[in-house]
């Protein structure tokens, strides 16, 4: 939807952003986190440019993610991906996954997709801000500048209640009494994305070979 905003309007809204203070992990109602997790992606470094494959300019699949062992007593994980730079009152949710098993340590590329009533192991993919179930490929408005896409992983002390395709903001409100009681561990990573202008999109080959060396290096996967 935001990709259809004309460049002149995107420029006018350049300083209009939801703000990082409105990310789910920054919600003061959640309290202080007891511990932290390590969350990374083999496809891009934290705060580096997100490869087009995972955006609206490419295949639009969800990126692979890997994380460390959680604190003792973790019952499951929840993942929320938000864009705090959206020109809206609050961040856009690009993905919601809850009920990830406590022994899970990764999500494969393309794993965040429509799953109906959820998977047999308890995980359930929720609704993004555009009411679709699955990964919402980043596609910020032209002229609005760079956007952060913050991947937030939470280790929960209890299994959340049942709710088909949970939404990003409804999930913690429904589950807080059970899951946030003694805090959760947060592991944010940020991937930056700047939508190319129509002119540069026509010039640059999809493999990135037409970009300068510095831009190409930011798109390379890291070990």
N, C-alpha and C. Protein backbone atom coordinates (compact mmCIF):
# COMPACT_ATOMS: atom_id res chain seq x y z
N UNK A 1 0.81 -1.20 0.00
CA UNK A 1 0.00 0.00 0.00
C UNK A 1 0.85 1.27 0.00
N UNK A 2 1.86 1.33 0.91
CA UNK A 2 2.68 2.53 0.98
C UNK A 2 3.55 2.72 -0.25
N UNK A 3 3.81 1.63 -0.99
CA UNK A 3 4.63 1.76 -2.20
C UNK A 3 3.92 2.58 -3.27
N UNK A 4 2.61 2.77 -3.13
CA UNK A 4 1.85 3.54 -4.10
C UNK A 4 1.82 5.04 -3.77
N UNK A 5 2.41 5.40 -2.63
CA UNK A 5 2.49 6.83 -2.29
C UNK A 5 3.42 7.52 -3.27
N UNK A 6 3.01 8.60 -3.93
CA UNK A 6 3.89 9.28 -4.88
C UNK A 6 5.12 9.85 -4.20
N UNK A 7 6.22 9.96 -4.97
CA UNK A 7 7.49 10.40 -4.41
C UNK A 7 7.39 11.79 -3.78
N UNK A 8 6.60 12.70 -4.38
CA UNK A 8 6.50 14.05 -3.83
C UNK A 8 5.85 14.03 -2.45
N UNK A 9 4.86 13.13 -2.27
CA UNK A 9 4.21 13.03 -0.97
C UNK A 9 5.13 12.33 0.04
N UNK A 10 5.87 11.32 -0.45
CA UNK A 10 6.83 10.67 0.44
C UNK A 10 7.87 11.64 0.95
N UNK A 11 8.30 12.58 0.09
CA UNK A 11 9.25 13.59 0.52
C UNK A 11 8.67 14.53 1.56
N UNK A 12 7.42 14.91 1.38
CA UNK A 12 6.76 15.79 2.35
C UNK A 12 6.61 15.11 3.71
N UNK A 13 6.46 13.78 3.69
CA UNK A 13 6.27 13.02 4.93
C UNK A 13 7.58 12.48 5.49
N UNK A 14 8.70 12.91 4.96
CA UNK A 14 10.00 12.34 5.33
C UNK A 14 10.25 12.36 6.83
N UNK A 15 9.81 13.40 7.50
CA UNK A 15 10.04 13.51 8.94
C UNK A 15 8.87 12.99 9.77
N UNK A 16 7.88 12.43 9.11
CA UNK A 16 6.74 11.85 9.82
C UNK A 16 7.00 10.35 9.97
N UNK A 17 7.26 9.91 11.18
CA UNK A 17 7.61 8.50 11.43
C UNK A 17 7.02 8.08 12.77
N UNK A 18 6.64 6.82 12.85
CA UNK A 18 6.05 6.31 14.09
C UNK A 18 7.03 6.43 15.25
N UNK A 19 8.29 6.06 15.02
CA UNK A 19 9.31 6.18 16.05
C UNK A 19 9.66 4.86 16.72
N UNK A 20 10.95 4.69 17.04
CA UNK A 20 11.42 3.47 17.68
C UNK A 20 10.85 3.30 19.08
N UNK A 21 10.46 4.40 19.71
CA UNK A 21 9.90 4.32 21.06
C UNK A 21 8.57 3.58 21.08
N UNK A 22 7.96 3.38 19.90
CA UNK A 22 6.67 2.70 19.83
C UNK A 22 6.80 1.25 19.40
N UNK A 23 8.04 0.75 19.27
CA UNK A 23 8.23 -0.67 18.99
C UNK A 23 7.67 -1.50 20.15
N UNK A 24 7.24 -2.72 19.83
CA UNK A 24 6.68 -3.58 20.87
C UNK A 24 7.67 -3.81 22.00
N UNK A 25 8.95 -4.02 21.68
CA UNK A 25 9.95 -4.28 22.71
C UNK A 25 10.18 -3.07 23.62
N UNK A 26 9.79 -1.88 23.16
CA UNK A 26 9.96 -0.67 23.97
C UNK A 26 8.72 -0.33 24.78
N UNK A 27 7.69 -1.15 24.71
CA UNK A 27 6.45 -0.90 25.44
C UNK A 27 6.74 -0.90 26.94
N UNK A 28 6.53 0.21 27.64
CA UNK A 28 6.84 0.25 29.07
C UNK A 28 5.98 -0.70 29.90
N UNK A 29 4.82 -1.07 29.37
CA UNK A 29 3.96 -2.00 30.10
C UNK A 29 4.55 -3.40 30.20
N UNK A 30 5.53 -3.68 29.31
CA UNK A 30 6.15 -5.00 29.36
C UNK A 30 7.18 -5.10 30.47
N UNK A 31 7.63 -3.96 31.00
CA UNK A 31 8.62 -3.97 32.06
C UNK A 31 10.01 -4.23 31.54
N UNK A 32 10.96 -4.33 32.47
CA UNK A 32 12.36 -4.56 32.11
C UNK A 32 12.57 -6.03 31.76
N UNK A 33 13.41 -6.28 30.78
CA UNK A 33 13.72 -7.65 30.38
C UNK A 33 14.76 -8.24 31.32
N UNK A 34 14.56 -9.51 31.67
CA UNK A 34 15.47 -10.17 32.60
C UNK A 34 16.79 -10.58 31.96
N UNK A 35 16.78 -10.79 30.65
CA UNK A 35 17.97 -11.28 29.96
C UNK A 35 17.87 -10.89 28.50
N UNK A 36 18.90 -11.19 27.77
CA UNK A 36 18.89 -10.89 26.34
C UNK A 36 19.23 -12.14 25.54
N UNK A 37 18.82 -12.13 24.29
CA UNK A 37 19.11 -13.20 23.36
C UNK A 37 19.97 -12.65 22.23
N UNK A 38 20.67 -13.53 21.55
CA UNK A 38 21.40 -13.16 20.35
C UNK A 38 20.59 -13.58 19.15
N UNK A 39 20.18 -12.63 18.31
CA UNK A 39 19.39 -12.91 17.12
C UNK A 39 20.14 -12.37 15.90
N UNK A 40 20.38 -13.21 14.92
CA UNK A 40 21.11 -12.81 13.71
C UNK A 40 20.43 -13.41 12.48
N UNK A 41 20.87 -12.95 11.33
CA UNK A 41 20.43 -13.54 10.06
C UNK A 41 21.65 -13.86 9.23
N UNK A 42 21.72 -15.06 8.61
CA UNK A 42 22.83 -15.37 7.71
C UNK A 42 22.73 -14.62 6.39
N UNK A 43 21.64 -13.86 6.18
CA UNK A 43 21.43 -13.18 4.90
C UNK A 43 21.85 -11.72 4.92
N UNK A 44 21.97 -11.11 6.11
CA UNK A 44 22.38 -9.71 6.19
C UNK A 44 22.85 -9.41 7.62
N UNK A 45 23.73 -8.43 7.73
CA UNK A 45 24.22 -8.01 9.04
C UNK A 45 23.24 -7.03 9.66
N UNK A 46 23.26 -6.96 10.97
CA UNK A 46 22.40 -6.01 11.67
C UNK A 46 22.72 -4.59 11.22
N UNK A 47 21.68 -3.81 10.93
CA UNK A 47 21.76 -2.43 10.48
C UNK A 47 22.35 -2.30 9.07
N UNK A 48 22.47 -3.41 8.36
CA UNK A 48 22.89 -3.38 6.95
C UNK A 48 21.65 -3.34 6.07
N UNK A 49 21.86 -3.13 4.79
CA UNK A 49 20.74 -3.07 3.85
C UNK A 49 20.13 -4.46 3.66
N UNK A 50 18.83 -4.54 3.68
CA UNK A 50 18.15 -5.82 3.46
C UNK A 50 18.23 -6.19 1.97
N UNK A 51 18.68 -7.38 1.64
CA UNK A 51 18.75 -7.79 0.24
C UNK A 51 17.37 -7.74 -0.43
N UNK A 52 17.32 -7.35 -1.70
CA UNK A 52 16.02 -7.23 -2.40
C UNK A 52 15.19 -8.50 -2.39
N UNK A 53 15.82 -9.65 -2.26
CA UNK A 53 15.09 -10.92 -2.27
C UNK A 53 13.98 -10.95 -1.23
N UNK A 54 14.17 -10.25 -0.12
CA UNK A 54 13.22 -10.31 0.99
C UNK A 54 12.24 -9.13 0.98
N UNK A 55 12.27 -8.31 -0.07
CA UNK A 55 11.48 -7.10 -0.13
C UNK A 55 10.47 -7.15 -1.28
N UNK A 56 9.74 -6.07 -1.42
CA UNK A 56 8.77 -5.97 -2.49
C UNK A 56 9.41 -5.85 -3.87
N UNK A 57 10.72 -5.62 -3.94
CA UNK A 57 11.42 -5.54 -5.21
C UNK A 57 11.94 -6.89 -5.69
N UNK A 58 11.82 -7.91 -4.85
CA UNK A 58 12.31 -9.24 -5.21
C UNK A 58 11.24 -10.29 -5.01
N UNK A 59 11.67 -11.47 -4.58
CA UNK A 59 10.72 -12.56 -4.38
C UNK A 59 9.77 -12.30 -3.21
N UNK A 60 10.21 -11.47 -2.27
CA UNK A 60 9.35 -11.13 -1.14
C UNK A 60 9.19 -12.24 -0.12
N UNK A 61 10.21 -13.09 0.02
CA UNK A 61 10.16 -14.16 1.02
C UNK A 61 10.75 -13.65 2.33
N UNK A 62 10.41 -14.30 3.42
CA UNK A 62 10.96 -13.90 4.72
C UNK A 62 12.40 -14.36 4.84
N UNK A 63 13.25 -13.59 5.53
CA UNK A 63 14.66 -13.96 5.64
C UNK A 63 14.90 -15.06 6.68
N UNK A 64 16.01 -15.77 6.56
CA UNK A 64 16.36 -16.77 7.58
C UNK A 64 16.84 -16.08 8.85
N UNK A 65 16.55 -16.68 10.00
CA UNK A 65 16.94 -16.12 11.29
C UNK A 65 17.52 -17.23 12.16
N UNK A 66 18.48 -16.87 13.00
CA UNK A 66 19.13 -17.80 13.92
C UNK A 66 19.26 -17.10 15.27
N UNK A 67 19.03 -17.83 16.36
CA UNK A 67 19.16 -17.20 17.68
C UNK A 67 19.79 -18.15 18.68
N UNK A 68 20.20 -17.58 19.80
CA UNK A 68 20.90 -18.31 20.84
C UNK A 68 19.93 -19.02 21.78
N UNK A 69 20.49 -19.82 22.69
CA UNK A 69 19.66 -20.53 23.67
C UNK A 69 18.98 -19.52 24.59
N UNK A 70 17.73 -19.78 24.97
CA UNK A 70 16.99 -18.85 25.81
C UNK A 70 17.28 -19.05 27.29
N UNK A 71 16.77 -18.17 28.14
CA UNK A 71 16.92 -18.36 29.59
C UNK A 71 16.20 -19.62 30.06
N UNK A 72 16.62 -20.13 31.18
CA UNK A 72 15.97 -21.30 31.76
C UNK A 72 14.51 -20.98 32.08
N UNK A 73 13.64 -21.91 31.78
CA UNK A 73 12.23 -21.71 32.05
C UNK A 73 11.44 -21.20 30.87
N UNK A 74 12.11 -21.01 29.73
CA UNK A 74 11.39 -20.55 28.53
C UNK A 74 10.45 -21.64 28.03
N UNK A 75 9.20 -21.25 27.77
CA UNK A 75 8.22 -22.20 27.26
C UNK A 75 8.10 -22.12 25.75
N UNK A 76 8.30 -20.93 25.18
CA UNK A 76 8.20 -20.76 23.74
C UNK A 76 8.75 -19.38 23.38
N UNK A 77 8.85 -19.13 22.08
CA UNK A 77 9.29 -17.84 21.56
C UNK A 77 8.17 -17.17 20.79
N UNK A 78 8.30 -15.86 20.67
CA UNK A 78 7.43 -15.08 19.78
C UNK A 78 8.31 -14.12 19.00
N UNK A 79 8.01 -13.95 17.73
CA UNK A 79 8.77 -13.05 16.86
C UNK A 79 7.83 -11.99 16.31
N UNK A 80 8.26 -10.73 16.40
CA UNK A 80 7.51 -9.61 15.83
C UNK A 80 8.49 -8.76 15.04
N UNK A 81 8.17 -8.46 13.79
CA UNK A 81 9.01 -7.60 12.95
C UNK A 81 8.21 -6.34 12.65
N UNK A 82 8.81 -5.17 12.99
CA UNK A 82 8.11 -3.90 12.83
C UNK A 82 8.97 -2.88 12.11
N UNK A 83 8.30 -1.95 11.44
CA UNK A 83 8.94 -0.82 10.77
C UNK A 83 8.55 0.45 11.53
N UNK A 84 9.46 0.97 12.39
CA UNK A 84 9.14 2.17 13.16
C UNK A 84 9.25 3.46 12.36
N UNK A 85 9.72 3.37 11.12
CA UNK A 85 9.86 4.56 10.28
C UNK A 85 8.65 4.79 9.38
N UNK A 86 7.64 3.97 9.50
CA UNK A 86 6.43 4.15 8.70
C UNK A 86 5.78 5.50 9.03
N UNK A 87 5.27 6.22 8.03
CA UNK A 87 4.64 7.53 8.28
C UNK A 87 3.22 7.37 8.82
N UNK A 88 3.13 6.69 9.95
CA UNK A 88 1.85 6.36 10.57
C UNK A 88 1.95 6.56 12.08
N UNK A 89 0.85 6.55 12.80
CA UNK A 89 0.90 6.76 14.25
C UNK A 89 1.71 5.71 15.00
N UNK A 90 1.77 4.47 14.48
CA UNK A 90 2.58 3.45 15.13
C UNK A 90 3.22 2.55 14.08
N UNK A 91 4.25 1.79 14.48
CA UNK A 91 4.99 0.98 13.50
C UNK A 91 4.10 -0.01 12.75
N UNK A 92 4.51 -0.28 11.51
CA UNK A 92 3.86 -1.32 10.72
C UNK A 92 4.44 -2.68 11.14
N UNK A 93 3.56 -3.64 11.39
CA UNK A 93 3.99 -5.01 11.70
C UNK A 93 4.14 -5.78 10.40
N UNK A 94 5.35 -6.26 10.13
CA UNK A 94 5.61 -7.02 8.91
C UNK A 94 5.53 -8.52 9.13
N UNK A 95 5.61 -8.95 10.38
CA UNK A 95 5.48 -10.39 10.67
C UNK A 95 5.18 -10.58 12.15
N UNK A 96 4.37 -11.58 12.42
CA UNK A 96 4.08 -12.01 13.80
C UNK A 96 4.08 -13.53 13.80
N UNK A 97 4.93 -14.11 14.64
CA UNK A 97 4.94 -15.58 14.80
C UNK A 97 5.00 -15.86 16.30
N UNK A 98 4.08 -16.64 16.81
CA UNK A 98 4.15 -16.99 18.22
C UNK A 98 4.08 -18.49 18.39
N UNK A 99 4.37 -18.94 19.61
CA UNK A 99 4.34 -20.37 19.89
C UNK A 99 5.50 -21.14 19.30
N UNK A 100 6.59 -20.46 18.93
CA UNK A 100 7.77 -21.18 18.45
C UNK A 100 8.32 -22.04 19.59
N UNK A 101 8.58 -23.33 19.35
CA UNK A 101 9.03 -24.22 20.43
C UNK A 101 10.28 -23.70 21.13
N UNK A 102 10.39 -24.01 22.41
CA UNK A 102 11.53 -23.54 23.20
C UNK A 102 12.85 -24.09 22.70
N UNK A 103 12.82 -25.26 22.04
CA UNK A 103 14.07 -25.83 21.53
C UNK A 103 14.39 -25.37 20.11
N UNK A 104 13.56 -24.51 19.53
CA UNK A 104 13.84 -23.97 18.19
C UNK A 104 14.97 -22.97 18.27
N UNK A 105 15.84 -22.97 17.27
CA UNK A 105 16.96 -22.03 17.25
C UNK A 105 17.06 -21.31 15.90
N UNK A 106 16.10 -21.52 15.02
CA UNK A 106 16.17 -20.86 13.72
C UNK A 106 14.82 -20.88 13.01
N UNK A 107 14.69 -19.96 12.07
CA UNK A 107 13.60 -19.96 11.11
C UNK A 107 14.23 -19.96 9.73
N UNK A 108 13.83 -20.89 8.89
CA UNK A 108 14.40 -20.98 7.55
C UNK A 108 13.87 -19.87 6.66
N UNK A 109 14.57 -19.59 5.58
CA UNK A 109 14.10 -18.62 4.61
C UNK A 109 12.71 -19.04 4.09
N UNK A 110 11.80 -18.08 4.04
CA UNK A 110 10.47 -18.35 3.55
C UNK A 110 9.54 -19.02 4.55
N UNK A 111 9.99 -19.19 5.80
CA UNK A 111 9.20 -19.92 6.78
C UNK A 111 8.00 -19.13 7.30
N UNK A 112 8.03 -17.81 7.17
CA UNK A 112 6.93 -16.99 7.68
C UNK A 112 5.91 -16.82 6.56
N UNK A 113 4.96 -17.72 6.52
CA UNK A 113 3.94 -17.71 5.49
C UNK A 113 2.61 -18.15 6.05
N UNK A 114 1.58 -18.06 5.24
CA UNK A 114 0.24 -18.45 5.68
C UNK A 114 0.25 -19.90 6.15
N UNK A 115 -0.26 -20.13 7.37
CA UNK A 115 -0.29 -21.49 7.90
C UNK A 115 -1.63 -21.88 8.49
N UNK A 116 -2.66 -21.10 8.22
CA UNK A 116 -4.00 -21.46 8.70
C UNK A 116 -4.08 -21.51 10.21
N UNK A 117 -4.40 -22.68 10.73
CA UNK A 117 -4.56 -22.85 12.17
C UNK A 117 -3.23 -23.06 12.89
N UNK A 118 -2.12 -22.98 12.18
CA UNK A 118 -0.82 -23.16 12.81
C UNK A 118 -0.20 -24.50 12.49
N UNK A 119 1.04 -24.68 12.98
CA UNK A 119 1.79 -25.91 12.73
C UNK A 119 1.59 -26.91 13.86
N UNK A 120 1.88 -28.20 13.62
CA UNK A 120 1.71 -29.22 14.66
C UNK A 120 2.55 -28.96 15.91
N UNK A 121 3.70 -28.26 15.77
CA UNK A 121 4.55 -28.03 16.94
C UNK A 121 4.10 -26.83 17.77
N UNK A 122 2.99 -26.20 17.40
CA UNK A 122 2.45 -25.11 18.20
C UNK A 122 2.67 -23.72 17.66
N UNK A 123 3.58 -23.55 16.70
CA UNK A 123 3.82 -22.22 16.16
C UNK A 123 2.65 -21.77 15.30
N UNK A 124 2.42 -20.46 15.28
CA UNK A 124 1.31 -19.91 14.51
C UNK A 124 1.75 -18.58 13.92
N UNK A 125 1.60 -18.43 12.61
CA UNK A 125 1.93 -17.18 11.93
C UNK A 125 0.72 -16.26 12.01
N UNK A 126 0.95 -15.03 12.47
CA UNK A 126 -0.15 -14.10 12.67
C UNK A 126 -0.34 -13.14 11.52
N UNK A 127 -1.20 -12.16 11.76
CA UNK A 127 -1.55 -11.16 10.75
C UNK A 127 -0.63 -9.96 10.84
N UNK A 128 -0.18 -9.50 9.67
CA UNK A 128 0.61 -8.27 9.63
C UNK A 128 -0.34 -7.07 9.64
N UNK A 129 0.22 -5.88 9.54
CA UNK A 129 -0.60 -4.67 9.65
C UNK A 129 -1.54 -4.47 8.47
N UNK A 130 -1.31 -5.17 7.37
CA UNK A 130 -2.21 -5.08 6.23
C UNK A 130 -3.20 -6.25 6.21
N UNK A 131 -3.34 -6.92 7.38
CA UNK A 131 -4.33 -7.96 7.62
C UNK A 131 -4.07 -9.25 6.86
N UNK A 132 -2.87 -9.39 6.31
CA UNK A 132 -2.50 -10.64 5.67
C UNK A 132 -1.78 -11.54 6.64
N UNK A 133 -1.94 -12.84 6.47
CA UNK A 133 -1.24 -13.80 7.32
C UNK A 133 0.09 -14.15 6.67
N UNK A 134 1.19 -13.84 7.35
CA UNK A 134 2.50 -14.12 6.80
C UNK A 134 3.40 -12.90 6.75
N UNK A 135 4.45 -13.02 5.96
CA UNK A 135 5.48 -11.99 5.83
C UNK A 135 4.98 -10.88 4.90
N UNK A 136 5.07 -9.64 5.36
CA UNK A 136 4.74 -8.48 4.54
C UNK A 136 6.05 -7.91 4.00
N UNK A 137 6.37 -8.11 2.72
CA UNK A 137 7.65 -7.66 2.18
C UNK A 137 7.82 -6.14 2.31
N UNK A 138 8.94 -5.69 2.85
CA UNK A 138 9.19 -4.25 2.97
C UNK A 138 9.12 -3.55 1.62
N UNK A 139 8.41 -2.44 1.58
CA UNK A 139 8.24 -1.67 0.35
C UNK A 139 7.88 -0.24 0.73
N UNK A 140 8.82 0.51 1.32
CA UNK A 140 8.51 1.84 1.83
C UNK A 140 8.18 2.83 0.71
N UNK A 141 7.51 3.93 1.06
CA UNK A 141 7.15 4.91 0.03
C UNK A 141 8.38 5.60 -0.55
N UNK A 142 8.32 5.89 -1.83
CA UNK A 142 9.41 6.60 -2.49
C UNK A 142 9.56 7.99 -1.89
N UNK A 143 10.82 8.42 -1.75
CA UNK A 143 11.09 9.75 -1.25
C UNK A 143 11.08 9.88 0.25
N UNK A 144 10.76 8.80 0.97
CA UNK A 144 10.65 8.88 2.43
C UNK A 144 11.95 8.57 3.14
N UNK A 145 12.97 8.15 2.43
CA UNK A 145 14.25 7.85 3.06
C UNK A 145 14.34 6.42 3.55
N UNK A 146 15.40 6.13 4.32
CA UNK A 146 15.66 4.79 4.82
C UNK A 146 14.67 4.40 5.92
N UNK A 147 14.36 3.12 5.96
CA UNK A 147 13.50 2.57 7.00
C UNK A 147 14.24 1.46 7.73
N UNK A 148 14.04 1.39 9.05
CA UNK A 148 14.53 0.27 9.85
C UNK A 148 13.45 -0.80 9.91
N UNK A 149 13.87 -2.05 9.82
CA UNK A 149 12.96 -3.17 10.02
C UNK A 149 13.52 -3.95 11.20
N UNK A 150 12.85 -3.87 12.34
CA UNK A 150 13.38 -4.38 13.59
C UNK A 150 12.76 -5.75 13.89
N UNK A 151 13.62 -6.76 13.95
CA UNK A 151 13.21 -8.13 14.24
C UNK A 151 13.35 -8.33 15.75
N UNK A 152 12.23 -8.55 16.43
CA UNK A 152 12.20 -8.67 17.88
C UNK A 152 11.78 -10.08 18.28
N UNK A 153 12.67 -10.76 18.98
CA UNK A 153 12.40 -12.13 19.42
C UNK A 153 12.21 -12.12 20.93
N UNK A 154 11.12 -12.72 21.40
CA UNK A 154 10.80 -12.75 22.82
C UNK A 154 10.77 -14.20 23.31
N UNK A 155 11.42 -14.44 24.46
CA UNK A 155 11.33 -15.74 25.13
C UNK A 155 10.26 -15.63 26.20
N UNK A 156 9.23 -16.46 26.09
CA UNK A 156 8.07 -16.36 26.97
C UNK A 156 8.08 -17.46 28.03
N UNK A 157 7.63 -17.11 29.21
CA UNK A 157 7.67 -18.05 30.33
C UNK A 157 6.53 -19.06 30.29
N UNK A 158 5.48 -18.77 29.53
CA UNK A 158 4.35 -19.70 29.40
C UNK A 158 3.81 -19.64 27.99
N UNK A 159 3.15 -20.70 27.58
CA UNK A 159 2.53 -20.74 26.27
C UNK A 159 1.39 -19.72 26.22
N UNK A 160 1.30 -18.94 25.15
CA UNK A 160 0.19 -17.99 25.03
C UNK A 160 -1.12 -18.72 24.79
N UNK A 161 -2.21 -18.04 25.07
CA UNK A 161 -3.52 -18.63 24.83
C UNK A 161 -3.77 -18.80 23.35
N UNK A 162 -4.74 -19.58 22.99
CA UNK A 162 -5.04 -19.85 21.59
C UNK A 162 -5.76 -18.68 20.96
N UNK A 163 -5.31 -18.29 19.80
CA UNK A 163 -5.97 -17.25 19.00
C UNK A 163 -5.46 -17.39 17.58
N UNK A 164 -6.31 -17.77 16.66
CA UNK A 164 -5.87 -18.03 15.30
C UNK A 164 -5.31 -16.76 14.66
N UNK A 165 -4.14 -16.89 14.02
CA UNK A 165 -3.50 -15.78 13.31
C UNK A 165 -3.46 -14.51 14.17
N UNK A 166 -2.74 -14.53 15.29
CA UNK A 166 -2.72 -13.37 16.19
C UNK A 166 -2.11 -12.15 15.53
N UNK A 167 -2.59 -10.98 15.91
CA UNK A 167 -2.05 -9.72 15.41
C UNK A 167 -0.97 -9.23 16.35
N UNK A 168 -0.08 -8.35 15.86
CA UNK A 168 1.08 -7.93 16.63
C UNK A 168 0.70 -7.27 17.94
N UNK A 169 -0.29 -6.39 17.93
CA UNK A 169 -0.61 -5.63 19.12
C UNK A 169 -1.63 -6.34 20.01
N UNK A 170 -2.46 -7.19 19.45
CA UNK A 170 -3.44 -7.91 20.26
C UNK A 170 -2.79 -9.04 21.03
N UNK A 171 -1.74 -9.63 20.45
CA UNK A 171 -1.12 -10.79 21.10
C UNK A 171 -0.59 -10.48 22.50
N UNK A 172 0.23 -9.43 22.72
CA UNK A 172 0.72 -9.21 24.08
C UNK A 172 -0.37 -8.82 25.05
N UNK A 173 -1.39 -8.11 24.58
CA UNK A 173 -2.47 -7.73 25.49
C UNK A 173 -3.24 -8.96 25.95
N UNK A 174 -3.42 -9.92 25.06
CA UNK A 174 -4.14 -11.15 25.42
C UNK A 174 -3.29 -12.04 26.33
N UNK A 175 -1.97 -11.97 26.16
CA UNK A 175 -1.10 -12.94 26.80
C UNK A 175 -0.31 -12.41 27.98
N UNK A 176 -0.33 -11.09 28.21
CA UNK A 176 0.59 -10.49 29.17
C UNK A 176 0.48 -11.12 30.55
N UNK A 177 -0.74 -11.42 31.03
CA UNK A 177 -0.89 -11.94 32.38
C UNK A 177 -0.17 -13.28 32.55
N UNK A 178 -0.07 -14.05 31.46
CA UNK A 178 0.57 -15.36 31.54
C UNK A 178 2.03 -15.33 31.11
N UNK A 179 2.34 -14.52 30.09
CA UNK A 179 3.66 -14.64 29.46
C UNK A 179 4.66 -13.57 29.89
N UNK A 180 4.16 -12.43 30.31
CA UNK A 180 5.08 -11.34 30.62
C UNK A 180 5.30 -11.20 32.13
N UNK A 181 4.82 -12.20 32.88
CA UNK A 181 4.77 -12.05 34.32
C UNK A 181 6.15 -11.78 34.93
N UNK A 182 7.15 -12.54 34.47
CA UNK A 182 8.49 -12.25 34.98
C UNK A 182 9.43 -11.83 33.86
N UNK A 183 8.85 -11.16 32.92
CA UNK A 183 9.68 -10.56 31.88
C UNK A 183 10.01 -11.54 30.76
N UNK A 184 10.54 -11.01 29.70
CA UNK A 184 10.94 -11.85 28.58
C UNK A 184 12.24 -11.30 28.02
N UNK A 185 12.92 -12.12 27.27
CA UNK A 185 14.20 -11.73 26.69
C UNK A 185 13.97 -11.17 25.30
N UNK A 186 14.60 -10.07 25.00
CA UNK A 186 14.43 -9.42 23.70
C UNK A 186 15.74 -9.45 22.94
N UNK A 187 15.64 -9.70 21.64
CA UNK A 187 16.83 -9.74 20.79
C UNK A 187 16.51 -9.03 19.49
N UNK A 188 16.67 -7.70 19.43
CA UNK A 188 16.35 -7.01 18.17
C UNK A 188 17.53 -6.99 17.19
N UNK A 189 17.26 -7.17 15.92
CA UNK A 189 18.22 -6.83 14.88
C UNK A 189 17.52 -5.88 13.93
N UNK A 190 18.29 -5.04 13.26
CA UNK A 190 17.71 -4.04 12.37
C UNK A 190 18.28 -4.21 10.97
N UNK A 191 17.39 -4.19 10.02
CA UNK A 191 17.79 -4.21 8.61
C UNK A 191 17.28 -2.94 7.97
N UNK A 192 18.14 -2.22 7.30
CA UNK A 192 17.74 -0.96 6.70
C UNK A 192 17.26 -1.20 5.27
N UNK A 193 16.36 -0.34 4.83
CA UNK A 193 15.81 -0.48 3.49
C UNK A 193 15.49 0.91 2.96
N UNK A 194 15.97 1.22 1.78
CA UNK A 194 15.62 2.47 1.12
C UNK A 194 15.14 2.15 -0.27
N UNK A 195 13.89 2.46 -0.54
CA UNK A 195 13.33 2.13 -1.84
C UNK A 195 14.02 2.96 -2.92
N UNK A 196 14.53 2.33 -4.00
CA UNK A 196 15.19 3.08 -5.06
C UNK A 196 14.21 3.94 -5.83
N UNK A 197 14.73 4.99 -6.42
CA UNK A 197 13.88 5.81 -7.28
C UNK A 197 13.56 5.03 -8.55
N UNK A 198 12.54 5.44 -9.26
CA UNK A 198 12.16 4.75 -10.49
C UNK A 198 13.31 4.75 -11.48
N UNK A 199 14.07 5.85 -11.54
CA UNK A 199 15.18 5.94 -12.49
C UNK A 199 16.28 4.96 -12.13
N UNK A 200 16.68 4.93 -10.83
CA UNK A 200 17.76 4.03 -10.45
C UNK A 200 17.33 2.58 -10.54
N UNK A 201 16.05 2.29 -10.30
CA UNK A 201 15.56 0.92 -10.40
C UNK A 201 15.67 0.42 -11.83
N UNK A 202 15.47 1.31 -12.81
CA UNK A 202 15.61 0.90 -14.20
C UNK A 202 17.06 0.67 -14.58
N UNK A 203 17.96 1.46 -13.96
CA UNK A 203 19.38 1.36 -14.32
C UNK A 203 20.04 0.13 -13.72
N UNK A 204 19.74 -0.17 -12.45
CA UNK A 204 20.48 -1.20 -11.73
C UNK A 204 19.97 -2.59 -12.03
N UNK A 205 20.85 -3.52 -12.45
CA UNK A 205 20.43 -4.91 -12.66
C UNK A 205 19.97 -5.51 -11.34
N UNK A 206 19.07 -6.51 -11.36
CA UNK A 206 18.55 -7.09 -10.12
C UNK A 206 19.59 -7.78 -9.27
N UNK A 207 20.74 -8.20 -9.86
CA UNK A 207 21.76 -8.86 -9.06
C UNK A 207 22.66 -7.88 -8.34
N UNK A 208 22.44 -6.57 -8.51
CA UNK A 208 23.23 -5.59 -7.81
C UNK A 208 24.55 -5.26 -8.48
N UNK A 209 24.84 -5.84 -9.65
CA UNK A 209 26.13 -5.62 -10.30
C UNK A 209 26.29 -4.19 -10.78
N UNK A 210 25.19 -3.44 -10.92
CA UNK A 210 25.30 -2.06 -11.36
C UNK A 210 25.51 -1.08 -10.23
N UNK A 211 25.59 -1.59 -8.95
CA UNK A 211 25.79 -0.71 -7.82
C UNK A 211 27.27 -0.51 -7.58
N UNK A 212 27.60 0.56 -6.83
CA UNK A 212 29.01 0.78 -6.49
C UNK A 212 29.47 -0.28 -5.51
N UNK A 213 30.79 -0.40 -5.32
CA UNK A 213 31.35 -1.47 -4.51
C UNK A 213 30.86 -1.42 -3.08
N UNK A 214 30.74 -0.22 -2.50
CA UNK A 214 30.30 -0.10 -1.12
C UNK A 214 28.87 -0.60 -0.96
N UNK A 215 28.00 -0.25 -1.92
CA UNK A 215 26.61 -0.69 -1.84
C UNK A 215 26.52 -2.20 -2.00
N UNK A 216 27.33 -2.76 -2.90
CA UNK A 216 27.29 -4.21 -3.08
C UNK A 216 27.71 -4.92 -1.81
N UNK A 217 28.75 -4.41 -1.13
CA UNK A 217 29.24 -5.09 0.06
C UNK A 217 28.20 -5.11 1.15
N UNK A 218 27.34 -4.10 1.21
CA UNK A 218 26.32 -4.05 2.23
C UNK A 218 25.22 -5.06 1.96
N UNK A 219 25.15 -5.57 0.73
CA UNK A 219 24.10 -6.53 0.40
C UNK A 219 24.58 -7.96 0.47
N UNK A 220 25.91 -8.16 0.70
CA UNK A 220 26.43 -9.51 0.73
C UNK A 220 26.09 -10.21 2.04
N UNK A 221 25.70 -11.51 1.99
CA UNK A 221 25.49 -12.25 3.23
C UNK A 221 26.78 -12.34 4.02
N UNK A 222 26.65 -12.49 5.32
CA UNK A 222 27.84 -12.64 6.15
C UNK A 222 27.82 -14.01 6.80
N UNK A 223 29.00 -14.46 7.20
CA UNK A 223 29.10 -15.80 7.78
C UNK A 223 28.67 -15.79 9.23
